[in-house]
Protein backbone atom coordinates (compact mmCIF):
# COMPACT_ATOMS: atom_id res chain seq x y z
CA MET A 1 0.00 0.00 0.00
CA GLY A 2 1.57 3.28 -1.09
CA ARG A 3 1.63 6.50 0.85
CA HIS A 4 0.05 9.64 -0.59
CA SER A 5 0.22 13.29 0.36
CA ARG A 6 -3.14 14.63 1.50
CA THR A 7 -4.30 18.03 2.66
CA ILE A 8 -6.89 18.92 5.27
CA ALA A 9 -9.39 21.61 4.33
CA HIS A 10 -10.45 24.07 7.01
CA GLY A 11 -14.02 22.76 6.74
CA PHE A 12 -12.86 19.52 8.36
CA PHE A 13 -12.54 21.33 11.68
CA LEU A 14 -16.01 22.86 11.37
CA ASN A 15 -17.82 19.53 11.10
CA GLU A 16 -20.28 19.37 14.01
CA GLN A 17 -20.13 15.57 14.37
CA LEU A 18 -16.36 15.30 14.76
CA PRO A 19 -16.24 16.71 18.31
CA THR A 20 -18.41 13.79 19.45
CA LEU A 21 -15.43 11.53 18.72
CA SER A 22 -12.31 11.17 20.81
CA ALA A 23 -9.24 13.11 19.73
CA HIS A 24 -7.59 9.81 18.80
CA ALA A 25 -10.54 8.80 16.59
CA ARG A 26 -10.36 12.16 14.80
CA LEU A 27 -6.62 11.72 14.28
CA LEU A 28 -7.16 8.14 13.13
CA PHE A 29 -9.62 9.43 10.51
CA VAL A 30 -7.10 11.91 9.14
CA GLY A 31 -4.34 9.31 9.29
CA MET A 32 -6.42 6.84 7.32
CA TRP A 33 -6.32 9.27 4.38
CA THR A 34 -2.57 8.66 4.19
CA LEU A 35 -3.07 4.89 4.16
CA ALA A 36 -5.90 4.78 1.62
CA ASP A 37 -5.43 4.38 -2.11
CA ARG A 38 -6.33 7.13 -4.59
CA ASP A 39 -10.00 6.13 -4.42
CA GLY A 40 -10.04 6.34 -0.63
CA ARG A 41 -10.10 2.58 -0.05
CA LEU A 42 -8.08 0.45 2.33
CA GLU A 43 -8.41 -2.98 3.87
CA ASP A 44 -10.78 -3.19 6.83
CA ARG A 45 -8.10 -4.15 9.36
CA PRO A 46 -8.62 -1.83 12.36
CA ALA A 47 -5.87 -3.36 14.50
CA ARG A 48 -3.32 -2.95 11.72
CA ILE A 49 -4.50 0.60 10.96
CA ARG A 50 -4.15 1.48 14.65
CA ALA A 51 -0.68 -0.06 14.73
CA GLU A 52 0.47 1.90 11.67
CA LEU A 53 -0.90 5.23 12.87
CA PHE A 54 -0.30 4.88 16.62
CA PRO A 55 2.61 2.41 16.92
CA TYR A 56 3.47 3.47 20.47
CA GLU A 57 -0.08 3.64 21.84
CA THR A 58 -0.98 -0.02 22.11
CA ASP A 59 -3.83 0.63 24.55
CA LEU A 60 -6.02 2.22 21.84
CA ASP A 61 -8.93 0.20 20.42
CA GLY A 62 -8.74 0.47 16.63
CA GLU A 63 -11.99 -1.45 16.12
CA ALA A 64 -13.92 0.89 18.42
CA MET A 65 -12.57 4.00 16.70
CA VAL A 66 -13.32 2.65 13.22
CA SER A 67 -16.82 1.64 14.38
CA ASP A 68 -17.43 5.15 15.75
CA LEU A 69 -16.33 6.72 12.46
CA THR A 70 -18.60 4.31 10.57
CA ARG A 71 -21.59 4.98 12.85
CA LEU A 72 -21.32 8.71 12.16
CA GLY A 73 -21.02 8.18 8.40
CA PHE A 74 -17.36 9.12 8.01
CA LEU A 75 -16.47 5.61 6.79
CA LEU A 76 -18.29 3.00 4.76
CA ARG A 77 -17.38 -0.60 5.47
CA TYR A 78 -18.13 -3.11 2.73
CA ALA A 79 -17.11 -6.53 1.48
CA VAL A 80 -15.83 -7.36 -1.99
CA ASP A 81 -17.19 -10.52 -3.63
CA GLY A 82 -19.43 -11.39 -0.73
């Protein structure tokens, strides 16, 4: 999986749903942009995503943060071929 440069628009900080998430979940969301391909896709592997973005914070729950982002509509989880 290649790394890509991404920018954060000011509007990101004005989103009214983001403050309902933990600071780590918000940072995870931004960090996922750097892991995703050009179409914004990446493998649904929350533990690995957490490990890549927060390698020294092993007490964080990647699954819970990804689930929170999904619940609020920031992520769409789907399966390919089933």
